[in-house]
Amino acid sequence: LPHHGQLLARNGRADEARATLDEAEQRAAAIGDEATVARSRVIRILFQRSIAEPETMRDQAHREADAAIEVFARTGDQLGLALAWELHAEAYWREGLVSLEEPARERALEFARAAGDRNEEMEALTSVGRSLVQGPTPVPEGIERAEALLAVAAGDRRIESAMAHALAHLYAQGGRFVEARGMAARSMTMLEENGQAIEAATMTEVCADVEHWAGDTTAE
């Protein structure tokens, strides 16, 4: 049930997701299934976006993540650990603590891979790419990391498009504009060919950012 609730939330069906997660938590609590209770709570906080609310709510997010990590470590729930670290990372991002967000993203990616969940790995990789672009990692190191992730992702077009998007930003920041434009085009083309029209539309900002770094301040 928690996984079904997560899918509903990702597809914008918030009310159904909330009801499904509530039911999952209640059923699990009734039989003493603490792992399912913890996963339901983590997913609910992630997708209700309560971590975007005042500081007390973000503190709650960290407390729930810590409690869940203890449960998932004990039960060997790798996917649960990925979700709990994602929750930590999202809270750090909302707090502007990008130096803490980046390692939390990396832990989420590590556990998503250990769980063998490609969808969660995709989510984690996309978030890692964002952290490399917006966080404190020096541009050369960010490029090296993103290139390594792109090489590993060969054959998975969703992950390739996410890393190409990150590299377009990073190459532009490093003054490598020809490569930046190539990566921006690669990312957009992959999204369009995958039928991800909405994602492609939201990613058009990368082209404007590349041209901004290249000196065209009118680019939008």
N, C-alpha and C. Protein backbone atom coordinates (compact mmCIF):
# COMPACT_ATOMS: atom_id res chain seq x y z
N LEU A 1 0.80 -1.23 0.00
CA LEU A 1 0.00 0.00 0.00
C LEU A 1 0.83 1.28 0.00
N PRO A 2 1.93 1.39 0.78
CA PRO A 2 2.70 2.62 0.74
C PRO A 2 3.22 2.95 -0.67
N HIS A 3 3.67 1.89 -1.39
CA HIS A 3 4.16 2.12 -2.75
C HIS A 3 3.04 2.64 -3.65
N HIS A 4 1.84 2.08 -3.50
CA HIS A 4 0.70 2.54 -4.29
C HIS A 4 0.39 4.00 -3.96
N GLY A 5 0.45 4.34 -2.67
CA GLY A 5 0.22 5.72 -2.27
C GLY A 5 1.25 6.66 -2.86
N GLN A 6 2.50 6.19 -2.93
CA GLN A 6 3.58 7.00 -3.51
C GLN A 6 3.32 7.25 -5.00
N LEU A 7 2.89 6.22 -5.71
CA LEU A 7 2.59 6.37 -7.14
C LEU A 7 1.43 7.35 -7.35
N LEU A 8 0.41 7.24 -6.52
CA LEU A 8 -0.73 8.16 -6.63
C LEU A 8 -0.28 9.60 -6.41
N ALA A 9 0.58 9.81 -5.41
CA ALA A 9 1.06 11.16 -5.12
C ALA A 9 1.87 11.71 -6.28
N ARG A 10 2.72 10.88 -6.87
CA ARG A 10 3.55 11.34 -7.99
C ARG A 10 2.72 11.67 -9.21
N ASN A 11 1.53 11.11 -9.28
CA ASN A 11 0.65 11.40 -10.42
C ASN A 11 -0.37 12.48 -10.08
N GLY A 12 -0.16 13.19 -9.00
CA GLY A 12 -1.00 14.33 -8.65
C GLY A 12 -2.33 13.98 -8.03
N ARG A 13 -2.52 12.74 -7.62
CA ARG A 13 -3.79 12.32 -7.02
C ARG A 13 -3.65 12.36 -5.50
N ALA A 14 -3.55 13.57 -4.98
CA ALA A 14 -3.18 13.80 -3.58
C ALA A 14 -4.17 13.20 -2.59
N ASP A 15 -5.46 13.39 -2.83
CA ASP A 15 -6.46 12.90 -1.89
C ASP A 15 -6.43 11.37 -1.80
N GLU A 16 -6.35 10.72 -2.97
CA GLU A 16 -6.28 9.26 -2.98
C GLU A 16 -5.00 8.77 -2.32
N ALA A 17 -3.91 9.48 -2.57
CA ALA A 17 -2.62 9.11 -1.98
C ALA A 17 -2.69 9.20 -0.46
N ARG A 18 -3.27 10.29 0.03
CA ARG A 18 -3.37 10.48 1.48
C ARG A 18 -4.21 9.37 2.12
N ALA A 19 -5.34 9.04 1.49
CA ALA A 19 -6.21 8.00 2.02
C ALA A 19 -5.51 6.64 2.01
N THR A 20 -4.78 6.37 0.93
CA THR A 20 -4.07 5.09 0.82
C THR A 20 -2.98 4.97 1.88
N LEU A 21 -2.23 6.06 2.09
CA LEU A 21 -1.16 6.04 3.08
C LEU A 21 -1.72 5.93 4.49
N ASP A 22 -2.85 6.60 4.74
CA ASP A 22 -3.49 6.50 6.06
C ASP A 22 -3.92 5.05 6.32
N GLU A 23 -4.51 4.43 5.30
CA GLU A 23 -4.96 3.05 5.44
C GLU A 23 -3.77 2.12 5.66
N ALA A 24 -2.69 2.36 4.91
CA ALA A 24 -1.50 1.52 5.06
C ALA A 24 -0.93 1.61 6.47
N GLU A 25 -0.87 2.84 7.00
CA GLU A 25 -0.33 3.01 8.35
C GLU A 25 -1.22 2.34 9.40
N GLN A 26 -2.53 2.51 9.25
CA GLN A 26 -3.45 1.94 10.22
C GLN A 26 -3.40 0.41 10.21
N ARG A 27 -3.39 -0.19 9.02
CA ARG A 27 -3.32 -1.65 8.92
C ARG A 27 -2.02 -2.17 9.51
N ALA A 28 -0.92 -1.48 9.17
CA ALA A 28 0.39 -1.92 9.64
C ALA A 28 0.50 -1.80 11.16
N ALA A 29 -0.02 -0.70 11.69
CA ALA A 29 0.04 -0.50 13.14
C ALA A 29 -0.75 -1.59 13.87
N ALA A 30 -1.85 -2.01 13.27
CA ALA A 30 -2.71 -3.02 13.91
C ALA A 30 -2.01 -4.37 14.04
N ILE A 31 -1.07 -4.66 13.14
CA ILE A 31 -0.38 -5.96 13.20
C ILE A 31 1.08 -5.81 13.65
N GLY A 32 1.46 -4.61 14.07
CA GLY A 32 2.81 -4.40 14.57
C GLY A 32 3.88 -4.36 13.50
N ASP A 33 3.52 -3.98 12.28
CA ASP A 33 4.48 -3.89 11.17
C ASP A 33 5.08 -2.49 11.17
N GLU A 34 6.16 -2.32 11.96
CA GLU A 34 6.72 -0.98 12.13
C GLU A 34 7.40 -0.45 10.86
N ALA A 35 7.90 -1.33 10.01
CA ALA A 35 8.54 -0.87 8.78
C ALA A 35 7.53 -0.22 7.85
N THR A 36 6.36 -0.82 7.70
CA THR A 36 5.33 -0.25 6.84
C THR A 36 4.77 1.04 7.44
N VAL A 37 4.64 1.09 8.75
CA VAL A 37 4.22 2.32 9.41
C VAL A 37 5.21 3.44 9.11
N ALA A 38 6.50 3.13 9.27
CA ALA A 38 7.54 4.14 9.04
C ALA A 38 7.56 4.60 7.59
N ARG A 39 7.43 3.64 6.65
CA ARG A 39 7.47 4.03 5.24
C ARG A 39 6.26 4.89 4.88
N SER A 40 5.10 4.56 5.41
CA SER A 40 3.90 5.36 5.14
C SER A 40 4.07 6.79 5.64
N ARG A 41 4.65 6.93 6.81
CA ARG A 41 4.85 8.27 7.38
C ARG A 41 5.85 9.08 6.56
N VAL A 42 6.94 8.45 6.17
CA VAL A 42 7.96 9.14 5.39
C VAL A 42 7.39 9.61 4.06
N ILE A 43 6.69 8.72 3.37
CA ILE A 43 6.12 9.09 2.07
C ILE A 43 5.09 10.20 2.23
N ARG A 44 4.27 10.13 3.28
CA ARG A 44 3.26 11.17 3.49
C ARG A 44 3.91 12.55 3.64
N ILE A 45 4.96 12.62 4.44
CA ILE A 45 5.62 13.92 4.64
C ILE A 45 6.26 14.40 3.34
N LEU A 46 6.88 13.50 2.62
CA LEU A 46 7.51 13.88 1.35
C LEU A 46 6.51 14.49 0.38
N PHE A 47 5.36 13.88 0.26
CA PHE A 47 4.42 14.30 -0.78
C PHE A 47 3.35 15.26 -0.29
N GLN A 48 3.21 15.45 1.00
CA GLN A 48 2.35 16.51 1.48
C GLN A 48 3.11 17.83 1.52
N ARG A 49 4.43 17.73 1.32
CA ARG A 49 5.30 18.91 1.29
C ARG A 49 5.23 19.71 2.58
N SER A 50 4.99 19.02 3.69
CA SER A 50 4.96 19.71 4.97
C SER A 50 6.31 20.30 5.31
N ILE A 51 7.37 19.77 4.67
CA ILE A 51 8.70 20.29 4.96
C ILE A 51 8.91 21.66 4.35
N ALA A 52 7.94 22.13 3.54
CA ALA A 52 8.03 23.48 3.01
C ALA A 52 7.43 24.48 3.98
N GLU A 53 6.84 23.98 5.06
CA GLU A 53 6.17 24.82 6.04
C GLU A 53 7.17 25.33 7.08
N PRO A 54 6.71 25.95 8.16
CA PRO A 54 7.63 26.53 9.14
C PRO A 54 8.65 25.56 9.69
N GLU A 55 9.64 26.12 10.40
CA GLU A 55 10.78 25.35 10.88
C GLU A 55 10.36 24.15 11.71
N THR A 56 9.30 24.29 12.50
CA THR A 56 8.86 23.17 13.32
C THR A 56 8.48 21.96 12.47
N MET A 57 7.91 22.20 11.29
CA MET A 57 7.53 21.11 10.41
C MET A 57 8.77 20.45 9.82
N ARG A 58 9.79 21.26 9.50
CA ARG A 58 11.03 20.68 8.97
C ARG A 58 11.73 19.87 10.05
N ASP A 59 11.66 20.34 11.30
CA ASP A 59 12.22 19.57 12.41
C ASP A 59 11.51 18.21 12.52
N GLN A 60 10.20 18.23 12.33
CA GLN A 60 9.43 16.99 12.37
C GLN A 60 9.90 16.05 11.26
N ALA A 61 10.17 16.61 10.08
CA ALA A 61 10.64 15.79 8.97
C ALA A 61 11.93 15.08 9.33
N HIS A 62 12.87 15.81 9.94
CA HIS A 62 14.13 15.19 10.34
C HIS A 62 13.91 14.13 11.42
N ARG A 63 13.02 14.41 12.37
CA ARG A 63 12.75 13.42 13.43
C ARG A 63 12.16 12.14 12.84
N GLU A 64 11.20 12.30 11.93
CA GLU A 64 10.57 11.13 11.30
C GLU A 64 11.60 10.36 10.47
N ALA A 65 12.48 11.09 9.78
CA ALA A 65 13.50 10.42 8.97
C ALA A 65 14.46 9.64 9.85
N ASP A 66 14.90 10.23 10.95
CA ASP A 66 15.81 9.53 11.87
C ASP A 66 15.17 8.28 12.46
N ALA A 67 13.91 8.42 12.86
CA ALA A 67 13.20 7.27 13.44
C ALA A 67 13.04 6.17 12.40
N ALA A 68 12.73 6.57 11.17
CA ALA A 68 12.55 5.59 10.09
C ALA A 68 13.86 4.89 9.75
N ILE A 69 14.95 5.64 9.74
CA ILE A 69 16.26 5.05 9.43
C ILE A 69 16.60 3.96 10.45
N GLU A 70 16.29 4.20 11.70
CA GLU A 70 16.54 3.19 12.74
C GLU A 70 15.74 1.92 12.47
N VAL A 71 14.47 2.10 12.09
CA VAL A 71 13.62 0.94 11.80
C VAL A 71 14.11 0.21 10.55
N PHE A 72 14.37 0.95 9.47
CA PHE A 72 14.75 0.33 8.21
C PHE A 72 16.12 -0.36 8.29
N ALA A 73 17.03 0.23 9.07
CA ALA A 73 18.35 -0.40 9.25
C ALA A 73 18.20 -1.73 9.97
N ARG A 74 17.30 -1.78 10.92
CA ARG A 74 17.07 -3.00 11.69
C ARG A 74 16.38 -4.08 10.86
N THR A 75 15.48 -3.66 9.97
CA THR A 75 14.71 -4.62 9.17
C THR A 75 15.33 -4.90 7.81
N GLY A 76 16.41 -4.17 7.48
CA GLY A 76 17.07 -4.39 6.19
C GLY A 76 16.30 -3.86 5.01
N ASP A 77 15.51 -2.82 5.21
CA ASP A 77 14.68 -2.24 4.16
C ASP A 77 15.48 -1.16 3.41
N GLN A 78 16.12 -1.56 2.32
CA GLN A 78 16.97 -0.64 1.56
C GLN A 78 16.18 0.49 0.91
N LEU A 79 15.01 0.15 0.36
CA LEU A 79 14.19 1.19 -0.27
C LEU A 79 13.68 2.17 0.77
N GLY A 80 13.30 1.65 1.94
CA GLY A 80 12.89 2.53 3.02
C GLY A 80 13.99 3.49 3.41
N LEU A 81 15.23 3.00 3.47
CA LEU A 81 16.37 3.86 3.79
C LEU A 81 16.57 4.94 2.73
N ALA A 82 16.36 4.58 1.47
CA ALA A 82 16.47 5.58 0.40
C ALA A 82 15.44 6.69 0.58
N LEU A 83 14.22 6.32 0.91
CA LEU A 83 13.16 7.31 1.11
C LEU A 83 13.42 8.19 2.33
N ALA A 84 13.93 7.58 3.40
CA ALA A 84 14.21 8.35 4.62
C ALA A 84 15.32 9.36 4.37
N TRP A 85 16.36 8.98 3.64
CA TRP A 85 17.43 9.92 3.33
C TRP A 85 16.95 10.99 2.35
N GLU A 86 16.02 10.63 1.47
CA GLU A 86 15.43 11.63 0.58
C GLU A 86 14.67 12.68 1.40
N LEU A 87 13.99 12.22 2.44
CA LEU A 87 13.27 13.14 3.31
C LEU A 87 14.23 14.09 4.02
N HIS A 88 15.32 13.56 4.54
CA HIS A 88 16.35 14.42 5.14
C HIS A 88 16.82 15.46 4.12
N ALA A 89 17.12 14.99 2.91
CA ALA A 89 17.67 15.88 1.88
C ALA A 89 16.68 16.98 1.52
N GLU A 90 15.41 16.62 1.37
CA GLU A 90 14.40 17.63 1.03
C GLU A 90 14.28 18.67 2.13
N ALA A 91 14.35 18.24 3.38
CA ALA A 91 14.27 19.19 4.49
C ALA A 91 15.49 20.11 4.51
N TYR A 92 16.68 19.54 4.27
CA TYR A 92 17.88 20.37 4.22
C TYR A 92 17.79 21.40 3.09
N TRP A 93 17.25 20.96 1.94
CA TRP A 93 17.12 21.86 0.79
C TRP A 93 16.19 23.02 1.13
N ARG A 94 15.07 22.71 1.78
CA ARG A 94 14.13 23.76 2.17
C ARG A 94 14.76 24.73 3.17
N GLU A 95 15.68 24.22 3.96
CA GLU A 95 16.35 25.06 4.96
C GLU A 95 17.54 25.83 4.38
N GLY A 96 17.87 25.54 3.11
CA GLY A 96 19.01 26.20 2.49
C GLY A 96 20.35 25.62 2.93
N LEU A 97 20.33 24.43 3.51
CA LEU A 97 21.55 23.78 4.01
C LEU A 97 22.07 22.81 2.94
N VAL A 98 22.52 23.37 1.81
CA VAL A 98 22.91 22.52 0.69
C VAL A 98 24.15 21.69 0.99
N SER A 99 25.00 22.15 1.93
CA SER A 99 26.18 21.37 2.29
C SER A 99 25.79 20.07 2.98
N LEU A 100 24.62 20.05 3.62
CA LEU A 100 24.09 18.83 4.23
C LEU A 100 23.19 18.06 3.26
N GLU A 101 22.56 18.81 2.34
CA GLU A 101 21.67 18.17 1.38
C GLU A 101 22.42 17.21 0.47
N GLU A 102 23.58 17.64 -0.04
CA GLU A 102 24.31 16.81 -1.00
C GLU A 102 24.65 15.42 -0.47
N PRO A 103 25.26 15.30 0.71
CA PRO A 103 25.54 13.94 1.20
C PRO A 103 24.28 13.12 1.47
N ALA A 104 23.20 13.80 1.86
CA ALA A 104 21.94 13.08 2.07
C ALA A 104 21.42 12.55 0.74
N ARG A 105 21.54 13.33 -0.33
CA ARG A 105 21.13 12.87 -1.66
C ARG A 105 21.95 11.63 -2.07
N GLU A 106 23.25 11.70 -1.79
CA GLU A 106 24.12 10.58 -2.16
C GLU A 106 23.74 9.31 -1.40
N ARG A 107 23.38 9.46 -0.12
CA ARG A 107 22.94 8.29 0.65
C ARG A 107 21.65 7.73 0.07
N ALA A 108 20.72 8.61 -0.31
CA ALA A 108 19.46 8.15 -0.91
C ALA A 108 19.75 7.37 -2.19
N LEU A 109 20.67 7.87 -3.00
CA LEU A 109 21.04 7.18 -4.24
C LEU A 109 21.66 5.82 -3.94
N GLU A 110 22.54 5.79 -2.96
CA GLU A 110 23.21 4.54 -2.57
C GLU A 110 22.20 3.46 -2.19
N PHE A 111 21.21 3.83 -1.40
CA PHE A 111 20.23 2.84 -0.94
C PHE A 111 19.22 2.49 -2.03
N ALA A 112 18.89 3.44 -2.89
CA ALA A 112 17.99 3.14 -4.00
C ALA A 112 18.61 2.09 -4.92
N ARG A 113 19.91 2.23 -5.16
CA ARG A 113 20.62 1.26 -5.99
C ARG A 113 20.68 -0.10 -5.31
N ALA A 114 20.94 -0.08 -3.99
CA ALA A 114 21.00 -1.34 -3.25
C ALA A 114 19.66 -2.06 -3.28
N ALA A 115 18.57 -1.27 -3.32
CA ALA A 115 17.23 -1.86 -3.36
C ALA A 115 16.87 -2.35 -4.76
N GLY A 116 17.61 -1.90 -5.77
CA GLY A 116 17.31 -2.29 -7.15
C GLY A 116 16.06 -1.64 -7.69
N ASP A 117 15.69 -0.49 -7.13
CA ASP A 117 14.49 0.22 -7.56
C ASP A 117 14.89 1.32 -8.53
N ARG A 118 14.64 1.09 -9.81
CA ARG A 118 15.09 2.03 -10.84
C ARG A 118 14.34 3.36 -10.77
N ASN A 119 13.06 3.33 -10.41
CA ASN A 119 12.31 4.58 -10.32
C ASN A 119 12.85 5.46 -9.20
N GLU A 120 13.13 4.85 -8.05
CA GLU A 120 13.68 5.63 -6.94
C GLU A 120 15.11 6.08 -7.24
N GLU A 121 15.85 5.24 -7.95
CA GLU A 121 17.20 5.64 -8.36
C GLU A 121 17.13 6.85 -9.29
N MET A 122 16.16 6.84 -10.19
CA MET A 122 15.98 7.98 -11.10
C MET A 122 15.68 9.25 -10.31
N GLU A 123 14.79 9.15 -9.34
CA GLU A 123 14.46 10.31 -8.51
C GLU A 123 15.70 10.81 -7.78
N ALA A 124 16.47 9.88 -7.23
CA ALA A 124 17.67 10.25 -6.48
C ALA A 124 18.72 10.88 -7.38
N LEU A 125 18.91 10.33 -8.57
CA LEU A 125 19.90 10.87 -9.50
C LEU A 125 19.53 12.27 -9.96
N THR A 126 18.25 12.47 -10.23
CA THR A 126 17.80 13.81 -10.63
C THR A 126 18.08 14.82 -9.52
N SER A 127 17.84 14.42 -8.30
CA SER A 127 18.08 15.30 -7.16
C SER A 127 19.57 15.55 -6.95
N VAL A 128 20.39 14.51 -7.14
CA VAL A 128 21.84 14.67 -7.02
C VAL A 128 22.32 15.66 -8.08
N GLY A 129 21.80 15.55 -9.29
CA GLY A 129 22.18 16.49 -10.35
C GLY A 129 21.85 17.92 -9.97
N ARG A 130 20.68 18.12 -9.40
CA ARG A 130 20.28 19.47 -8.97
C ARG A 130 21.23 19.99 -7.90
N SER A 131 21.61 19.12 -6.96
CA SER A 131 22.51 19.53 -5.89
C SER A 131 23.89 19.90 -6.44
N LEU A 132 24.36 19.14 -7.43
CA LEU A 132 25.66 19.46 -8.02
C LEU A 132 25.65 20.82 -8.70
N VAL A 133 24.52 21.18 -9.29
CA VAL A 133 24.40 22.47 -9.99
C VAL A 133 24.24 23.62 -9.00
N GLN A 134 23.39 23.43 -8.01
CA GLN A 134 23.01 24.53 -7.12
C GLN A 134 23.78 24.56 -5.81
N GLY A 135 24.48 23.48 -5.49
CA GLY A 135 25.14 23.38 -4.20
C GLY A 135 26.56 23.93 -4.21
N PRO A 136 27.31 23.68 -3.11
CA PRO A 136 28.65 24.25 -2.95
C PRO A 136 29.78 23.51 -3.65
N THR A 137 29.46 22.37 -4.28
CA THR A 137 30.51 21.60 -4.96
C THR A 137 31.16 22.44 -6.04
N PRO A 138 32.50 22.58 -6.07
CA PRO A 138 33.16 23.33 -7.14
C PRO A 138 32.79 22.77 -8.51
N VAL A 139 32.70 23.65 -9.49
CA VAL A 139 32.25 23.24 -10.83
C VAL A 139 33.07 22.08 -11.39
N PRO A 140 34.40 22.11 -11.35
CA PRO A 140 35.15 20.97 -11.91
C PRO A 140 34.80 19.64 -11.26
N GLU A 141 34.61 19.65 -9.93
CA GLU A 141 34.23 18.42 -9.23
C GLU A 141 32.80 18.00 -9.59
N GLY A 142 31.93 18.98 -9.74
CA GLY A 142 30.55 18.68 -10.13
C GLY A 142 30.50 18.05 -11.51
N ILE A 143 31.31 18.59 -12.42
CA ILE A 143 31.36 18.03 -13.78
C ILE A 143 31.87 16.59 -13.74
N GLU A 144 32.92 16.36 -12.98
CA GLU A 144 33.49 15.01 -12.89
C GLU A 144 32.47 14.01 -12.34
N ARG A 145 31.75 14.42 -11.32
CA ARG A 145 30.74 13.54 -10.72
C ARG A 145 29.60 13.27 -11.69
N ALA A 146 29.11 14.32 -12.34
CA ALA A 146 27.99 14.16 -13.27
C ALA A 146 28.38 13.33 -14.48
N GLU A 147 29.60 13.50 -14.97
CA GLU A 147 30.07 12.70 -16.10
C GLU A 147 30.16 11.23 -15.71
N ALA A 148 30.61 10.96 -14.49
CA ALA A 148 30.69 9.57 -14.02
C ALA A 148 29.30 8.95 -13.94
N LEU A 149 28.34 9.71 -13.42
CA LEU A 149 26.97 9.20 -13.32
C LEU A 149 26.37 8.98 -14.70
N LEU A 150 26.68 9.86 -15.65
CA LEU A 150 26.18 9.71 -17.02
C LEU A 150 26.74 8.45 -17.65
N ALA A 151 28.02 8.18 -17.42
CA ALA A 151 28.66 6.99 -18.00
C ALA A 151 28.02 5.71 -17.45
N VAL A 152 27.76 5.70 -16.15
CA VAL A 152 27.14 4.53 -15.51
C VAL A 152 25.72 4.31 -16.02
N ALA A 153 25.04 5.43 -16.37
CA ALA A 153 23.63 5.36 -16.76
C ALA A 153 23.42 4.99 -18.22
N ALA A 154 24.49 4.73 -18.94
CA ALA A 154 24.37 4.44 -20.37
C ALA A 154 23.30 3.38 -20.62
N GLY A 155 22.34 3.74 -21.48
CA GLY A 155 21.25 2.82 -21.82
C GLY A 155 19.95 3.15 -21.13
N ASP A 156 20.02 3.89 -20.02
CA ASP A 156 18.80 4.33 -19.34
C ASP A 156 18.56 5.78 -19.71
N ARG A 157 17.66 5.99 -20.66
CA ARG A 157 17.48 7.33 -21.23
C ARG A 157 16.92 8.33 -20.23
N ARG A 158 16.16 7.87 -19.25
CA ARG A 158 15.64 8.80 -18.25
C ARG A 158 16.78 9.39 -17.42
N ILE A 159 17.69 8.52 -16.99
CA ILE A 159 18.81 8.99 -16.19
C ILE A 159 19.79 9.78 -17.05
N GLU A 160 20.00 9.34 -18.28
CA GLU A 160 20.88 10.07 -19.17
C GLU A 160 20.38 11.50 -19.39
N SER A 161 19.08 11.67 -19.56
CA SER A 161 18.54 13.01 -19.79
C SER A 161 18.72 13.88 -18.55
N ALA A 162 18.57 13.30 -17.36
CA ALA A 162 18.75 14.06 -16.12
C ALA A 162 20.19 14.51 -15.95
N MET A 163 21.14 13.61 -16.22
CA MET A 163 22.56 13.97 -16.08
C MET A 163 23.02 14.91 -17.17
N ALA A 164 22.47 14.76 -18.38
CA ALA A 164 22.80 15.69 -19.46
C ALA A 164 22.31 17.09 -19.11
N HIS A 165 21.16 17.16 -18.48
CA HIS A 165 20.61 18.45 -18.05
C HIS A 165 21.54 19.10 -17.03
N ALA A 166 21.99 18.32 -16.04
CA ALA A 166 22.90 18.86 -15.03
C ALA A 166 24.22 19.29 -15.67
N LEU A 167 24.75 18.48 -16.59
CA LEU A 167 26.01 18.81 -17.23
C LEU A 167 25.91 20.06 -18.09
N ALA A 168 24.76 20.30 -18.70
CA ALA A 168 24.58 21.52 -19.49
C ALA A 168 24.80 22.75 -18.61
N HIS A 169 24.18 22.72 -17.43
CA HIS A 169 24.37 23.83 -16.48
C HIS A 169 25.83 23.94 -16.05
N LEU A 170 26.42 22.81 -15.69
CA LEU A 170 27.79 22.83 -15.16
C LEU A 170 28.81 23.23 -16.23
N TYR A 171 28.66 22.71 -17.44
CA TYR A 171 29.58 23.11 -18.51
C TYR A 171 29.48 24.62 -18.76
N ALA A 172 28.26 25.14 -18.73
CA ALA A 172 28.07 26.58 -18.94
C ALA A 172 28.77 27.37 -17.84
N GLN A 173 28.62 26.91 -16.59
CA GLN A 173 29.27 27.60 -15.47
C GLN A 173 30.79 27.54 -15.60
N GLY A 174 31.28 26.49 -16.25
CA GLY A 174 32.72 26.34 -16.45
C GLY A 174 33.23 26.97 -17.73
N GLY A 175 32.34 27.65 -18.47
CA GLY A 175 32.76 28.33 -19.70
C GLY A 175 32.89 27.42 -20.90
N ARG A 176 32.37 26.20 -20.81
CA ARG A 176 32.45 25.25 -21.93
C ARG A 176 31.11 25.27 -22.67
N PHE A 177 30.89 26.34 -23.43
CA PHE A 177 29.55 26.63 -23.96
C PHE A 177 29.12 25.69 -25.09
N VAL A 178 30.05 25.27 -25.94
CA VAL A 178 29.69 24.35 -27.02
C VAL A 178 29.19 23.03 -26.43
N GLU A 179 29.93 22.52 -25.43
CA GLU A 179 29.51 21.28 -24.79
C GLU A 179 28.21 21.48 -24.01
N ALA A 180 28.06 22.64 -23.42
CA ALA A 180 26.83 22.93 -22.66
C ALA A 180 25.62 22.90 -23.58
N ARG A 181 25.73 23.55 -24.73
CA ARG A 181 24.60 23.56 -25.67
C ARG A 181 24.30 22.15 -26.16
N GLY A 182 25.34 21.36 -26.39
CA GLY A 182 25.14 19.99 -26.83
C GLY A 182 24.41 19.15 -25.80
N MET A 183 24.78 19.32 -24.53
CA MET A 183 24.12 18.56 -23.46
C MET A 183 22.68 19.03 -23.27
N ALA A 184 22.44 20.33 -23.38
CA ALA A 184 21.07 20.84 -23.25
C ALA A 184 20.18 20.23 -24.34
N ALA A 185 20.70 20.22 -25.58
CA ALA A 185 19.94 19.65 -26.69
C ALA A 185 19.72 18.16 -26.50
N ARG A 186 20.74 17.48 -26.00
CA ARG A 186 20.64 16.03 -25.77
C ARG A 186 19.56 15.72 -24.74
N SER A 187 19.55 16.48 -23.66
CA SER A 187 18.56 16.26 -22.61
C SER A 187 17.15 16.49 -23.13
N MET A 188 16.94 17.59 -23.83
CA MET A 188 15.61 17.92 -24.34
C MET A 188 15.14 16.88 -25.35
N THR A 189 16.04 16.46 -26.25
CA THR A 189 15.67 15.47 -27.27
C THR A 189 15.25 14.15 -26.64
N MET A 190 16.01 13.72 -25.63
CA MET A 190 15.68 12.46 -24.97
C MET A 190 14.31 12.52 -24.30
N LEU A 191 14.03 13.62 -23.63
CA LEU A 191 12.73 13.77 -22.97
C LEU A 191 11.60 13.73 -23.99
N GLU A 192 11.77 14.43 -25.09
CA GLU A 192 10.73 14.47 -26.12
C GLU A 192 10.54 13.09 -26.75
N GLU A 193 11.64 12.40 -27.03
CA GLU A 193 11.55 11.06 -27.63
C GLU A 193 10.96 10.05 -26.66
N ASN A 194 11.13 10.29 -25.36
CA ASN A 194 10.55 9.41 -24.35
C ASN A 194 9.07 9.70 -24.11
N GLY A 195 8.55 10.73 -24.80
CA GLY A 195 7.16 11.11 -24.59
C GLY A 195 6.93 11.90 -23.33
N GLN A 196 7.99 12.45 -22.75
CA GLN A 196 7.90 13.22 -21.51
C GLN A 196 7.75 14.71 -21.84
N ALA A 197 6.62 15.04 -22.45
CA ALA A 197 6.41 16.41 -22.93
C ALA A 197 6.40 17.43 -21.79
N ILE A 198 5.76 17.07 -20.68
CA ILE A 198 5.69 18.00 -19.55
C ILE A 198 7.07 18.25 -18.99
N GLU A 199 7.85 17.16 -18.80
CA GLU A 199 9.19 17.31 -18.27
C GLU A 199 10.06 18.14 -19.22
N ALA A 200 9.90 17.91 -20.53
CA ALA A 200 10.67 18.67 -21.51
C ALA A 200 10.35 20.16 -21.43
N ALA A 201 9.08 20.48 -21.23
CA ALA A 201 8.67 21.88 -21.13
C ALA A 201 9.27 22.56 -19.91
N THR A 202 9.34 21.80 -18.80
CA THR A 202 9.88 22.40 -17.56
C THR A 202 11.40 22.52 -17.60
N MET A 203 12.04 21.78 -18.51
CA MET A 203 13.50 21.80 -18.58
C MET A 203 14.05 22.84 -19.55
N THR A 204 13.19 23.62 -20.19
CA THR A 204 13.67 24.59 -21.17
C THR A 204 14.54 25.67 -20.53
N GLU A 205 14.45 25.82 -19.21
CA GLU A 205 15.26 26.84 -18.53
C GLU A 205 16.75 26.59 -18.73
N VAL A 206 17.16 25.34 -18.98
CA VAL A 206 18.58 25.06 -19.12
C VAL A 206 19.17 25.80 -20.31
N CYS A 207 18.41 25.92 -21.40
CA CYS A 207 18.90 26.63 -22.59
C CYS A 207 19.14 28.10 -22.28
N ALA A 208 18.21 28.70 -21.55
CA ALA A 208 18.37 30.11 -21.17
C ALA A 208 19.57 30.29 -20.24
N ASP A 209 19.77 29.34 -19.33
CA ASP A 209 20.90 29.45 -18.40
C ASP A 209 22.22 29.35 -19.14
N VAL A 210 22.30 28.45 -20.10
CA VAL A 210 23.54 28.31 -20.89
C VAL A 210 23.86 29.62 -21.59
N GLU A 211 22.85 30.21 -22.24
CA GLU A 211 23.09 31.46 -22.97
C GLU A 211 23.38 32.62 -22.02
N HIS A 212 22.79 32.58 -20.83
CA HIS A 212 23.10 33.61 -19.85
C HIS A 212 24.57 33.57 -19.47
N TRP A 213 25.08 32.36 -19.20
CA TRP A 213 26.49 32.23 -18.86
C TRP A 213 27.39 32.60 -20.05
N ALA A 214 26.86 32.38 -21.26
CA ALA A 214 27.63 32.72 -22.47
C ALA A 214 27.63 34.23 -22.76
N GLY A 215 26.82 34.98 -22.01
CA GLY A 215 26.86 36.43 -22.15
C GLY A 215 25.60 37.03 -22.72
N ASP A 216 24.59 36.19 -23.06
CA ASP A 216 23.33 36.71 -23.57
C ASP A 216 22.39 36.89 -22.40
N THR A 217 22.39 38.07 -21.80
CA THR A 217 21.57 38.32 -20.62
C THR A 217 20.08 38.49 -20.95
N THR A 218 19.74 38.48 -22.24
CA THR A 218 18.33 38.59 -22.62
C THR A 218 17.68 37.22 -22.75
N ALA A 219 18.48 36.17 -22.65
CA ALA A 219 17.94 34.82 -22.82
C ALA A 219 16.94 34.53 -21.71
N GLU A 220 15.84 33.87 -22.08
CA GLU A 220 14.78 33.53 -21.11
C GLU A 220 14.44 32.06 -21.27
